[in-house]
Amino acid sequence: MGVLMMEEGDESELFMLLLPLIILLCAVLFMAVTPFVFCILFRIREGISLSDVEGPINIAREEQRESRSSHIAAQQRWADHLDRSTRNGYERAVQWCIQHPPTSPRDTDITMAQFLGIQEKGVSAWSFDPAYESNVGAMVSARTEVQFFDDSPGMAAEEGGACTMQTNLPIPKMNDVYYWEVKMFSKPESTTVAVGLASKPYPPFRFPGYCKHSVGYLSDVGSKCYNHPFHAQSYGPAYVQGDVIGIGYRPRTGSVFFTRNGRRLEEAFIGLSHNNVFPTLAANGAAELHVNLGQAGFVLIEANVKRWGLAPMTGTLAPPPAYGHDKDSILIETGLEHAVDAQSTAGSSRLVPAVSDQSDVSRPDTHAPAYASSADWHPSTVNVNEIRLDTLARYNDSPPPYLSESPTQSTVPPVSQGTRLPLSAETPPSDSELRSGGSPTPPSQLPPRWSSWHDWIPRWIVSRDNGRNPTNFTELTGVTIE
């Protein structure tokens, strides 16, 4: 009996010793497992949170959640609480987006022709391009001054609730930051204006931020919105007539920030980099907005210092000359100058006729033939540029005979650069004659050459007529005129 009582006492003491260790181990396990449990519950939770969130909204992450059934159900519950006219406008926008899906970035990138236009015009290449066929509620003047008219198509709630305008070119992606500003030149209190960025095509009757791939900053309560109306959240102060609202965009990170009267607000969105975005304006009433894309100084000093405009104020590429105006054109004048030089060079070697006037030629003859050493030979004075079809008639009034009866009376006709003599006259002098300094043998005393039938025919005619009454005649051989 005593032994049993001692064993029970030992077990109770051992349990009391192990109890604190068991409690400590359970506490450690609870603290280690609790964060993982909360993380799992947070990821699989039903519904979405519509409360204000501090910091920028990651649009790329939110777009991934939009495909979940919980997000679709939340949109449907939000739409059920709308009035009939607003709901009709919402459903119209949904159907429009289904029929006009966003264009791929490849189709909206700046083309080579547009890039050259930007280099030629600078920031003036951008302009707000309204589709007047489908959107008659606005008018654009001076490329960037937009005027919205009251009670225009699309401004009614059941029609969409706004009139929207976009630029013709997207925001480039070469620089780190691009910035533009909008001045509320005229804005009644009853008009709501939204400025932001959106892809193309975009409904011409919705505020930016109310449809997919768009963000906007609204003037009514200073809210920001992206992709859907029920995503609207409090962001900054409301803006009124006279205020200047700026929009900054970083293409690499897809972040968007806004400014008001030169004061920078906090970062609004990040992750807007999947599609090409266009500067977008919208209003639901009468308003006049003046947009500064970089053609003038910004209210934000940092944008002026760092040159955040969409492009330089002036182009860096000279435009081509106008058709029919070649005066003061460097390209055309240079081309004509080279053409004249080429024509003069070509003509100096071919078009100079043989004339009897013995004087200096306008161009030095650097390649004179061998018979140029004769005392009776002198270069011609005919200008290459003055050669016409009647040049021979004007300069050769009484040409010398082609062949003379007496060798002493025949002379070598003056030869200028480029004159082609008969084949019989092109025989160079012998080495003995050149060493002795004598004149070359006249063409009439040269031995006959029967290398070509062109020379045989004139010689046969001359030999036939030598027995008859001599007559003087001239044969032009080898002179080409163009």
Protein backbone atom coordinates (compact mmCIF):
# COMPACT_ATOMS: atom_id res chain seq x y z
CA MET A 1 0.00 0.00 0.00
CA GLY A 2 2.76 2.42 0.87
CA VAL A 3 4.54 1.71 -2.39
CA LEU A 4 1.45 2.54 -4.46
CA MET A 5 0.94 5.84 -2.68
CA MET A 6 4.55 6.81 -3.38
CA GLU A 7 4.18 6.10 -7.16
CA GLU A 8 1.03 8.23 -7.40
CA GLY A 9 2.80 11.10 -5.66
CA ASP A 10 5.71 10.96 -8.12
CA GLU A 11 3.39 11.13 -11.14
CA SER A 12 1.57 14.19 -9.78
CA GLU A 13 4.84 15.97 -9.10
CA LEU A 14 6.07 15.16 -12.64
CA PHE A 15 2.88 16.53 -14.16
CA MET A 16 3.19 19.75 -12.20
CA LEU A 17 6.75 20.13 -13.42
CA LEU A 18 5.80 19.61 -17.12
CA LEU A 19 2.68 21.82 -17.07
CA PRO A 20 4.51 25.18 -17.43
CA LEU A 21 6.55 23.79 -20.29
CA ILE A 22 3.40 22.62 -22.09
CA ILE A 23 1.73 26.03 -21.65
CA LEU A 24 4.81 27.84 -22.96
CA LEU A 25 5.02 25.58 -26.00
CA CYS A 26 1.34 26.14 -26.85
CA ALA A 27 1.77 29.90 -26.59
CA VAL A 28 4.72 29.84 -28.97
CA LEU A 29 2.82 27.72 -31.48
CA PHE A 30 -0.19 30.03 -31.29
CA MET A 31 1.91 33.11 -31.92
CA ALA A 32 3.63 31.45 -34.87
CA VAL A 33 0.47 30.15 -36.54
CA THR A 34 -1.79 33.17 -36.03
CA PRO A 35 -0.21 35.44 -38.75
CA PHE A 36 -0.50 32.72 -41.35
CA VAL A 37 -4.14 32.13 -40.48
CA PHE A 38 -4.99 35.83 -40.80
CA CYS A 39 -3.13 36.07 -44.11
CA ILE A 40 -5.09 33.17 -45.54
CA LEU A 41 -8.39 34.58 -44.33
CA PHE A 42 -7.54 37.98 -45.82
CA ARG A 43 -6.86 36.49 -49.24
CA ILE A 44 -9.98 34.35 -49.41
CA ARG A 45 -12.32 36.93 -47.90
CA GLU A 46 -15.58 37.63 -49.72
CA GLY A 47 -16.43 41.11 -51.02
CA ILE A 48 -14.18 44.16 -51.45
CA SER A 49 -13.31 47.11 -49.29
CA LEU A 50 -14.58 50.49 -50.48
CA SER A 51 -13.01 52.50 -47.67
CA ASP A 52 -10.38 55.15 -48.34
CA VAL A 53 -6.88 53.76 -48.71
CA GLU A 54 -3.77 55.78 -47.97
CA GLY A 55 -1.14 55.92 -50.67
CA PRO A 56 -1.31 55.20 -54.40
CA ILE A 57 -3.58 52.51 -55.81
CA ASN A 58 -1.91 49.70 -57.72
CA ILE A 59 -4.09 49.49 -60.80
CA ALA A 60 -2.39 46.36 -62.13
CA ARG A 61 -3.22 44.45 -58.94
CA GLU A 62 -6.76 45.74 -58.84
CA GLU A 63 -7.34 44.67 -62.44
CA GLN A 64 -6.36 41.13 -61.50
CA ARG A 65 -8.99 41.11 -58.76
CA GLU A 66 -11.73 42.36 -61.07
CA SER A 67 -12.07 38.92 -62.62
CA ARG A 68 -13.13 37.37 -59.32
CA SER A 69 -16.73 36.57 -58.67
CA SER A 70 -16.71 38.62 -55.48
CA HIS A 71 -15.70 41.76 -57.38
CA ILE A 72 -18.36 41.21 -60.03
CA ALA A 73 -20.98 40.71 -57.35
CA ALA A 74 -19.90 43.94 -55.64
CA GLN A 75 -20.28 45.86 -58.90
CA GLN A 76 -23.75 44.45 -59.37
CA ARG A 77 -24.79 45.42 -55.85
CA TRP A 78 -23.48 48.95 -56.43
CA ALA A 79 -25.40 49.24 -59.70
CA ASP A 80 -28.62 48.08 -58.02
CA HIS A 81 -28.60 51.16 -55.78
CA LEU A 82 -28.35 53.65 -58.67
CA ASP A 83 -31.26 55.67 -59.95
CA ARG A 84 -32.73 54.69 -63.28
CA SER A 85 -31.05 57.36 -65.45
CA THR A 86 -27.59 56.80 -63.96
CA ARG A 87 -27.99 53.05 -64.32
CA ASN A 88 -28.93 53.42 -68.00
CA GLY A 89 -25.81 55.49 -68.61
CA TYR A 90 -23.70 52.91 -66.79
CA GLU A 91 -25.12 50.02 -68.83
CA ARG A 92 -24.62 51.99 -72.05
CA ALA A 93 -20.95 52.46 -71.20
CA VAL A 94 -20.55 48.75 -70.43
CA GLN A 95 -22.04 47.78 -73.79
CA TRP A 96 -19.89 50.34 -75.61
CA CYS A 97 -16.70 48.95 -74.04
CA ILE A 98 -17.70 45.41 -75.03
CA GLN A 99 -18.21 46.49 -78.64
CA HIS A 100 -14.99 48.57 -78.70
CA PRO A 101 -12.25 46.71 -76.82
CA PRO A 102 -9.00 48.55 -76.06
CA THR A 103 -6.52 48.71 -78.91
CA SER A 104 -3.27 46.84 -78.44
CA PRO A 105 -0.21 48.95 -77.59
CA ARG A 106 1.40 47.98 -80.90
CA ASP A 107 -1.41 49.65 -82.85
CA THR A 108 -1.33 52.86 -80.80
CA ASP A 109 2.44 53.35 -80.61
CA ILE A 110 3.89 56.46 -82.21
CA THR A 111 4.70 55.59 -85.82
CA MET A 112 7.77 56.73 -87.75
CA ALA A 113 5.74 59.34 -89.64
CA GLN A 114 4.35 60.69 -86.36
CA PHE A 115 7.84 60.69 -84.83
CA LEU A 116 9.19 62.75 -87.73
CA GLY A 117 6.22 65.09 -87.33
CA ILE A 118 7.10 65.56 -83.66
CA GLN A 119 10.70 66.35 -84.58
CA GLU A 120 9.54 68.87 -87.17
CA LYS A 121 6.74 70.55 -85.17
CA GLY A 122 7.72 69.89 -81.56
CA VAL A 123 4.88 69.87 -79.06
CA SER A 124 2.62 71.39 -81.71
CA ALA A 125 2.22 67.88 -83.14
CA TRP A 126 -0.24 67.17 -80.30
CA SER A 127 -3.78 68.45 -80.52
CA PHE A 128 -7.19 67.50 -79.21
CA ASP A 129 -8.93 65.65 -81.99
CA PRO A 130 -12.71 65.55 -81.47
CA ALA A 131 -14.87 63.14 -83.41
CA TYR A 132 -17.41 65.72 -84.57
CA GLU A 133 -19.52 63.03 -86.22
CA SER A 134 -20.25 61.32 -82.90
CA ASN A 135 -19.38 64.08 -80.44
CA VAL A 136 -20.79 67.51 -81.21
CA GLY A 137 -20.71 68.76 -77.64
CA ALA A 138 -17.28 70.40 -77.83
CA MET A 139 -15.19 72.61 -80.07
CA VAL A 140 -11.40 72.84 -80.29
CA SER A 141 -9.53 76.00 -81.27
CA ALA A 142 -5.78 76.57 -81.49
CA ARG A 143 -5.23 72.82 -81.02
CA THR A 144 -5.45 72.89 -77.20
CA GLU A 145 -8.32 75.23 -76.27
CA VAL A 146 -11.41 73.12 -75.64
CA GLN A 147 -14.89 74.55 -75.17
CA PHE A 148 -17.74 72.34 -73.93
CA PHE A 149 -21.34 73.32 -74.62
CA ASP A 150 -24.21 72.95 -72.21
CA ASP A 151 -26.86 70.26 -72.75
CA SER A 152 -24.79 68.55 -75.42
CA PRO A 153 -25.32 64.92 -76.46
CA GLY A 154 -23.84 62.55 -73.90
CA MET A 155 -23.98 64.93 -70.94
CA ALA A 156 -27.30 63.66 -69.63
CA ALA A 157 -27.06 60.99 -66.95
CA GLU A 158 -28.96 58.42 -68.99
CA GLU A 159 -26.63 59.06 -71.97
CA GLY A 160 -23.40 58.57 -70.05
CA GLY A 161 -23.02 61.77 -68.07
CA ALA A 162 -20.17 63.61 -69.84
CA CYS A 163 -18.55 64.80 -73.05
CA THR A 164 -14.99 63.52 -73.46
CA MET A 165 -12.01 64.71 -75.56
CA GLN A 166 -8.63 63.05 -76.21
CA THR A 167 -5.44 64.01 -78.01
CA ASN A 168 -4.41 62.61 -81.37
CA LEU A 169 -1.09 61.21 -80.09
CA PRO A 170 -0.33 59.20 -76.95
CA ILE A 171 2.11 60.19 -74.26
CA PRO A 172 5.65 59.12 -75.27
CA LYS A 173 7.70 56.65 -73.27
CA MET A 174 11.26 57.87 -73.81
CA ASN A 175 11.64 60.22 -70.82
CA ASP A 176 11.20 59.49 -67.13
CA VAL A 177 8.34 61.94 -66.55
CA TYR A 178 5.80 63.67 -68.79
CA TYR A 179 3.63 66.49 -67.52
CA TRP A 180 0.81 68.70 -68.79
CA GLU A 181 -1.58 71.22 -67.23
CA VAL A 182 -5.19 72.31 -67.67
CA LYS A 183 -6.48 75.75 -66.72
CA MET A 184 -10.15 76.10 -65.76
CA PHE A 185 -10.65 79.20 -67.89
CA SER A 186 -14.43 79.09 -67.50
CA LYS A 187 -16.22 76.63 -65.21
CA PRO A 188 -19.60 77.17 -63.59
CA GLU A 189 -20.19 75.62 -60.19
CA SER A 190 -22.80 73.27 -61.61
CA THR A 191 -20.32 71.74 -64.07
CA THR A 192 -18.13 68.81 -63.12
CA VAL A 193 -14.81 68.55 -64.94
CA ALA A 194 -12.47 65.58 -64.98
CA VAL A 195 -8.87 65.47 -66.19
CA GLY A 196 -6.82 62.33 -66.53
CA LEU A 197 -5.45 59.65 -68.81
CA ALA A 198 -7.21 56.96 -70.83
CA SER A 199 -6.51 54.43 -73.55
CA LYS A 200 -8.16 54.36 -76.97
CA PRO A 201 -10.88 53.85 -77.94
CA TYR A 202 -12.69 55.46 -75.02
CA PRO A 203 -16.42 56.22 -74.71
CA PRO A 204 -17.04 59.85 -75.75
CA PHE A 205 -19.71 60.17 -73.04
CA ARG A 206 -17.86 59.01 -69.87
CA PHE A 207 -15.50 60.70 -67.42
CA PRO A 208 -11.92 59.43 -67.41
CA GLY A 209 -11.68 56.87 -64.63
CA TYR A 210 -15.18 55.51 -65.21
CA CYS A 211 -14.12 52.84 -67.76
CA LYS A 212 -11.30 50.32 -68.10
CA HIS A 213 -7.70 51.49 -68.53
CA SER A 214 -8.34 55.07 -67.41
CA VAL A 215 -7.74 57.32 -64.41
CA GLY A 216 -9.24 60.68 -63.54
CA TYR A 217 -9.33 63.52 -61.03
CA LEU A 218 -12.84 64.99 -60.67
CA SER A 219 -13.63 68.56 -59.67
CA ASP A 220 -16.89 68.05 -57.74
CA VAL A 221 -15.48 66.70 -54.47
CA GLY A 222 -11.82 66.23 -55.42
CA SER A 223 -12.07 62.47 -55.82
CA LYS A 224 -9.86 60.15 -57.85
CA CYS A 225 -11.19 57.22 -59.82
CA TYR A 226 -9.91 54.36 -61.96
CA ASN A 227 -11.59 51.81 -64.25
CA HIS A 228 -15.03 52.05 -62.60
CA PRO A 229 -17.31 54.64 -60.95
CA PHE A 230 -17.58 52.83 -57.63
CA HIS A 231 -13.76 52.99 -57.27
CA ALA A 232 -13.97 56.73 -56.57
CA GLN A 233 -12.05 57.75 -53.46
CA SER A 234 -11.27 61.01 -51.71
CA TYR A 235 -7.98 62.41 -52.99
CA GLY A 236 -7.50 66.16 -53.01
CA PRO A 237 -9.32 69.49 -52.85
CA ALA A 238 -12.08 70.32 -55.30
CA TYR A 239 -11.01 72.72 -58.04
CA VAL A 240 -12.98 75.65 -59.40
CA GLN A 241 -12.72 78.29 -62.11
CA GLY A 242 -9.23 79.78 -62.37
CA ASP A 243 -7.43 76.74 -60.95
CA VAL A 244 -4.66 74.98 -62.86
CA ILE A 245 -4.60 71.20 -62.58
CA GLY A 246 -1.49 69.31 -63.65
CA ILE A 247 -1.07 65.63 -64.51
CA GLY A 248 2.27 63.85 -64.29
CA TYR A 249 2.96 60.41 -65.71
CA ARG A 250 5.96 58.09 -65.38
CA PRO A 251 5.89 55.57 -68.24
CA ARG A 252 8.35 53.12 -66.68
CA THR A 253 6.40 52.55 -63.47
CA GLY A 254 2.98 53.66 -64.68
CA SER A 255 2.58 56.05 -61.75
CA VAL A 256 0.31 59.10 -61.98
CA PHE A 257 0.31 62.21 -59.79
CA PHE A 258 -1.67 65.45 -59.89
CA THR A 259 -0.93 69.07 -59.00
CA ARG A 260 -3.17 71.99 -58.17
CA ASN A 261 -1.98 75.56 -58.79
CA GLY A 262 1.66 74.48 -58.82
CA ARG A 263 1.39 72.46 -55.60
CA ARG A 264 2.10 68.79 -55.98
CA LEU A 265 -0.34 66.31 -54.46
CA GLU A 266 0.50 62.80 -53.33
CA GLU A 267 0.94 59.92 -55.74
CA ALA A 268 -2.48 58.82 -56.96
CA PHE A 269 -1.94 55.63 -58.98
CA ILE A 270 0.76 53.17 -59.98
CA GLY A 271 0.82 50.34 -62.47
CA LEU A 272 -0.81 52.19 -65.40
CA SER A 273 1.71 50.94 -67.96
CA HIS A 274 -0.02 48.14 -69.87
CA ASN A 275 -1.64 50.35 -72.55
CA ASN A 276 -0.71 53.59 -74.27
CA VAL A 277 -2.54 56.45 -72.59
CA PHE A 278 -3.76 59.75 -74.03
CA PRO A 279 -4.43 63.07 -72.24
CA THR A 280 -8.18 63.15 -71.65
CA LEU A 281 -10.68 65.88 -70.67
CA ALA A 282 -14.38 65.61 -69.86
CA ALA A 283 -17.21 67.82 -68.61
CA ASN A 284 -20.93 67.41 -67.98
CA GLY A 285 -21.81 71.04 -68.69
CA ALA A 286 -20.58 74.31 -70.13
CA ALA A 287 -16.87 74.87 -69.59
CA GLU A 288 -13.78 76.22 -71.32
CA LEU A 289 -10.42 74.61 -70.67
CA HIS A 290 -6.99 75.70 -71.89
CA VAL A 291 -4.42 72.93 -72.04
CA ASN A 292 -0.65 73.41 -71.84
CA LEU A 293 1.20 70.39 -73.21
CA GLY A 294 4.55 72.15 -73.10
CA GLN A 295 4.09 74.99 -75.58
CA ALA A 296 4.38 77.48 -72.68
CA GLY A 297 5.79 77.59 -69.18
CA PHE A 298 4.16 75.45 -66.49
CA VAL A 299 2.85 76.64 -63.16
CA LEU A 300 4.83 73.82 -61.54
CA ILE A 301 8.41 75.12 -61.36
CA GLU A 302 9.91 71.64 -61.20
CA ALA A 303 8.36 70.78 -64.55
CA ASN A 304 10.01 73.81 -66.16
CA VAL A 305 13.43 73.07 -64.71
CA LYS A 306 13.38 69.37 -65.64
CA ARG A 307 11.56 69.91 -68.96
CA TRP A 308 8.69 67.53 -68.37
CA GLY A 309 6.70 68.68 -71.40
CA LEU A 310 5.54 66.17 -73.98
CA ALA A 311 8.06 67.52 -76.53
CA PRO A 312 10.24 70.61 -77.14
CA MET A 313 8.44 73.86 -77.81
CA THR A 314 9.88 74.06 -81.33
CA GLY A 315 10.85 71.35 -83.74
CA THR A 316 14.43 70.29 -84.31
CA LEU A 317 13.98 69.06 -87.90
CA ALA A 318 13.75 71.54 -90.78
CA PRO A 319 10.67 71.08 -93.00
CA PRO A 320 11.17 70.22 -96.66
CA PRO A 321 11.01 73.09 -99.20
CA ALA A 322 7.62 73.94 -100.66
CA TYR A 323 6.81 72.80 -104.17
CA GLY A 324 7.66 75.40 -106.82
CA HIS A 325 9.92 77.45 -104.52
CA ASP A 326 13.57 76.56 -105.04
CA LYS A 327 14.99 79.98 -104.19
CA ASP A 328 17.24 80.13 -101.12
CA SER A 329 17.09 76.35 -100.90
CA ILE A 330 20.50 75.05 -99.90
CA LEU A 331 19.76 71.55 -101.11
CA ILE A 332 18.59 72.64 -104.56
CA GLU A 333 21.28 75.30 -105.02
CA THR A 334 24.00 72.80 -104.17
CA GLY A 335 22.54 70.30 -106.59
CA LEU A 336 22.43 72.85 -109.40
CA GLU A 337 25.98 73.93 -108.70
CA HIS A 338 27.26 70.39 -108.96
CA ALA A 339 25.18 69.86 -112.10
CA VAL A 340 26.74 72.90 -113.80
CA ASP A 341 30.23 71.80 -112.81
CA ALA A 342 29.59 68.31 -114.11
CA GLN A 343 28.17 69.66 -117.38
CA SER A 344 31.13 72.01 -117.81
CA THR A 345 33.61 69.22 -117.13
CA ALA A 346 31.89 66.87 -119.55
CA GLY A 347 31.52 69.54 -122.24
CA SER A 348 35.13 70.65 -121.99
CA SER A 349 36.27 67.22 -123.13
CA ARG A 350 33.77 66.78 -125.99
CA LEU A 351 32.07 69.91 -127.24
CA VAL A 352 34.84 72.36 -128.19
CA PRO A 353 34.91 72.84 -131.98
CA ALA A 354 37.96 73.52 -134.11
CA VAL A 355 38.01 77.22 -135.04
CA SER A 356 40.43 79.40 -136.97
CA ASP A 357 40.68 82.09 -134.28
CA GLN A 358 44.08 81.68 -132.63
CA SER A 359 43.94 82.89 -129.04
CA ASP A 360 43.94 81.48 -125.53
CA VAL A 361 41.25 79.15 -124.30
CA SER A 362 39.28 79.83 -121.12
CA ARG A 363 40.43 76.58 -119.47
CA PRO A 364 44.07 75.46 -119.37
CA ASP A 365 44.78 72.45 -121.55
CA THR A 366 46.59 70.06 -119.24
CA HIS A 367 46.49 67.16 -121.71
CA ALA A 368 47.61 68.72 -125.01
CA PRO A 369 48.35 66.32 -127.89
CA ALA A 370 51.84 65.80 -129.27
CA TYR A 371 51.37 68.16 -132.20
CA ALA A 372 50.64 71.04 -129.79
CA SER A 373 54.34 71.85 -129.84
CA SER A 374 53.99 73.19 -133.37
CA ALA A 375 54.53 76.91 -133.80
CA ASP A 376 51.30 77.22 -135.78
CA TRP A 377 49.12 75.61 -133.15
CA HIS A 378 47.18 77.67 -130.60
CA PRO A 379 44.25 76.71 -128.36
CA SER A 380 40.76 77.90 -129.15
CA THR A 381 38.96 80.76 -127.42
CA VAL A 382 35.51 79.27 -127.58
CA ASN A 383 33.83 79.08 -124.19
CA VAL A 384 32.52 75.64 -123.41
CA ASN A 385 29.24 76.98 -122.04
CA GLU A 386 28.55 78.99 -125.22
CA ILE A 387 28.56 76.10 -127.71
CA ARG A 388 25.38 75.95 -129.76
CA LEU A 389 24.31 74.32 -132.99
CA ASP A 390 25.44 77.38 -134.97
CA THR A 391 28.88 77.65 -133.35
CA LEU A 392 30.72 76.40 -136.43
CA ALA A 393 28.87 78.84 -138.68
CA ARG A 394 29.77 81.78 -136.45
CA TYR A 395 33.44 80.93 -135.96
CA ASN A 396 34.31 79.17 -139.22
CA ASP A 397 33.35 81.72 -141.86
CA SER A 398 36.07 80.55 -144.28
CA PRO A 399 37.37 77.19 -143.14
CA PRO A 400 40.70 76.02 -144.52
CA PRO A 401 40.75 73.22 -147.09
CA TYR A 402 40.83 69.75 -145.81
CA LEU A 403 43.82 68.80 -148.02
CA SER A 404 46.14 71.22 -149.84
CA GLU A 405 48.06 70.67 -153.08
CA SER A 406 51.26 72.09 -151.61
CA PRO A 407 52.58 70.83 -148.31
CA THR A 408 53.94 74.27 -147.49
CA GLN A 409 50.51 75.90 -147.66
CA SER A 410 48.67 73.43 -145.42
CA THR A 411 48.44 74.19 -141.76
CA VAL A 412 47.28 72.22 -138.83
CA PRO A 413 43.91 73.51 -137.69
CA PRO A 414 43.84 74.85 -134.16
CA VAL A 415 42.76 72.14 -131.77
CA SER A 416 41.26 72.82 -128.41
CA GLN A 417 40.66 70.41 -125.60
CA GLY A 418 38.28 67.72 -126.71
CA THR A 419 38.54 68.25 -130.53
CA ARG A 420 38.68 65.01 -132.45
CA LEU A 421 40.88 65.15 -135.55
CA PRO A 422 40.72 62.81 -138.56
CA LEU A 423 42.41 59.54 -138.03
CA SER A 424 45.20 60.51 -140.43
CA ALA A 425 46.01 63.63 -138.38
CA GLU A 426 46.33 61.84 -135.06
CA THR A 427 49.64 60.15 -135.92
CA PRO A 428 52.18 61.28 -133.32
CA PRO A 429 55.60 62.61 -134.45
CA SER A 430 58.62 60.39 -134.46
CA ASP A 431 61.20 60.41 -131.71
CA SER A 432 63.81 61.97 -133.99
CA GLU A 433 61.54 64.90 -134.76
CA LEU A 434 60.79 65.51 -131.09
CA ARG A 435 64.49 65.40 -130.19
CA SER A 436 65.41 67.75 -133.02
CA GLY A 437 62.70 70.21 -132.06
CA GLY A 438 61.21 70.25 -135.52
CA SER A 439 57.54 70.52 -136.31
CA PRO A 440 55.58 67.37 -137.00
CA THR A 441 54.90 66.27 -140.55
CA PRO A 442 51.79 67.91 -142.02
CA PRO A 443 48.82 65.60 -142.51
CA SER A 444 49.07 65.93 -146.32
CA GLN A 445 52.57 64.37 -146.35
CA LEU A 446 51.76 61.45 -144.04
CA PRO A 447 51.63 57.98 -145.62
CA PRO A 448 48.14 56.70 -146.23
CA ARG A 449 46.49 54.54 -143.61
CA TRP A 450 43.91 52.00 -144.70
CA SER A 451 42.84 50.92 -141.23
CA SER A 452 39.30 52.21 -141.61
CA TRP A 453 36.89 52.63 -144.49
CA HIS A 454 35.92 56.04 -143.03
CA ASP A 455 39.33 57.35 -144.19
CA TRP A 456 39.49 55.40 -147.48
CA ILE A 457 36.35 56.99 -149.00
CA PRO A 458 37.48 60.66 -148.61
CA ARG A 459 40.95 59.78 -149.94
CA TRP A 460 39.49 58.05 -152.99
CA ILE A 461 37.31 61.07 -153.76
CA VAL A 462 40.25 63.46 -153.41
CA SER A 463 42.53 61.36 -155.63
CA ARG A 464 39.77 61.15 -158.26
CA ASP A 465 39.20 64.89 -158.31
CA ASN A 466 42.89 65.87 -158.42
CA GLY A 467 42.88 65.39 -162.19
CA ARG A 468 39.94 67.78 -162.61
CA ASN A 469 39.64 71.45 -161.81
CA PRO A 470 40.67 71.94 -158.19
CA THR A 471 37.97 73.15 -155.88
CA ASN A 472 38.18 74.05 -152.23
CA PHE A 473 35.96 72.15 -149.86
CA THR A 474 35.83 71.40 -146.15
CA GLU A 475 34.96 68.12 -144.51
CA LEU A 476 33.99 68.11 -140.84
CA THR A 477 35.11 64.94 -139.22
CA GLY A 478 35.08 64.10 -135.57
CA VAL A 479 33.27 67.21 -134.24
CA THR A 480 30.36 66.29 -132.00
CA ILE A 481 27.84 68.88 -130.88
CA GLU A 482 25.17 68.25 -128.24
